[in-house]
Amino acid sequence: MKKQFLNILMVSSIITTIAFLMDGDIKEPSMLMRFVEFFGMVGIVFLLTSVVYFISSFVLKKTQKMLKY
């Protein structure tokens, strides 16, 4: 389980880094605000990705268990 969380965190940080670099908006002059935005987005992407992953894996396991019987 810990490895799954670390993998999801790695994927979400890569996605956020790519999105942050591709963003065309004017950057905030405050470095603290940049870090807050970055880690906030990592948290949001991590939460959404983990919810989708764990719900789909749960449904897949239940479906396989139902089809087995």
Protein backbone atom coordinates (compact mmCIF):
# COMPACT_ATOMS: atom_id res chain seq x y z
CA MET A 1 0.00 0.00 0.00
CA LYS A 2 2.85 2.37 0.83
CA LYS A 3 4.44 1.74 -2.55
CA GLN A 4 1.15 2.55 -4.29
CA PHE A 5 0.90 5.87 -2.46
CA LEU A 6 4.49 6.73 -3.36
CA ASN A 7 3.89 5.86 -7.02
CA ILE A 8 0.75 7.99 -7.13
CA LEU A 9 2.62 10.86 -5.44
CA MET A 10 5.42 10.58 -7.99
CA VAL A 11 2.99 10.61 -10.93
CA SER A 12 1.06 13.55 -9.51
CA SER A 13 4.24 15.56 -8.91
CA ILE A 14 5.40 14.88 -12.49
CA ILE A 15 2.03 15.92 -13.90
CA THR A 16 2.01 19.06 -11.75
CA THR A 17 5.58 19.98 -12.73
CA ILE A 18 4.76 19.64 -16.43
CA ALA A 19 1.57 21.66 -16.02
CA PHE A 20 3.36 24.32 -13.96
CA LEU A 21 6.05 24.71 -16.63
CA MET A 22 3.52 24.84 -19.47
CA ASP A 23 1.37 27.44 -17.69
CA GLY A 24 1.39 30.73 -19.59
CA ASP A 25 0.13 32.93 -16.76
CA ILE A 26 2.23 35.66 -15.21
CA LYS A 27 4.15 34.21 -12.28
CA GLU A 28 3.68 35.58 -8.81
CA PRO A 29 6.60 37.71 -7.59
CA SER A 30 6.51 35.99 -4.21
CA MET A 31 8.48 32.75 -4.06
CA LEU A 32 6.40 31.55 -1.11
CA MET A 33 3.22 31.88 -3.16
CA ARG A 34 4.77 29.84 -5.98
CA PHE A 35 5.56 27.01 -3.57
CA VAL A 36 2.09 27.18 -2.04
CA GLU A 37 0.50 26.96 -5.49
CA PHE A 38 2.76 24.09 -6.54
CA PHE A 39 2.25 21.96 -3.45
CA GLY A 40 -1.45 22.75 -3.43
CA MET A 41 -1.73 21.47 -6.97
CA VAL A 42 0.33 18.38 -6.11
CA GLY A 43 -2.10 17.70 -3.27
CA ILE A 44 -5.16 18.14 -5.47
CA VAL A 45 -3.79 15.95 -8.28
CA PHE A 46 -2.67 13.33 -5.73
CA LEU A 47 -6.10 13.26 -4.12
CA LEU A 48 -7.95 12.94 -7.43
CA THR A 49 -5.57 10.32 -8.79
CA SER A 50 -5.65 8.23 -5.63
CA VAL A 51 -9.46 8.33 -5.45
CA VAL A 52 -9.78 7.19 -9.06
CA TYR A 53 -7.12 4.49 -8.63
CA PHE A 54 -8.44 3.00 -5.40
CA ILE A 55 -12.09 3.07 -6.47
CA SER A 56 -11.26 1.40 -9.78
CA SER A 57 -9.10 -1.25 -8.11
CA PHE A 58 -11.85 -1.93 -5.55
CA VAL A 59 -14.49 -2.30 -8.27
CA LEU A 60 -12.19 -4.53 -10.32
CA LYS A 61 -11.52 -6.83 -7.34
CA LYS A 62 -15.22 -7.06 -6.48
CA THR A 63 -16.12 -7.76 -10.10
CA GLN A 64 -13.51 -10.50 -10.36
CA LYS A 65 -14.74 -12.02 -7.10
CA MET A 66 -18.36 -12.00 -8.34
CA LEU A 67 -17.43 -13.56 -11.69
CA LYS A 68 -15.39 -16.24 -9.95
CA TYR A 69 -18.46 -17.72 -8.26
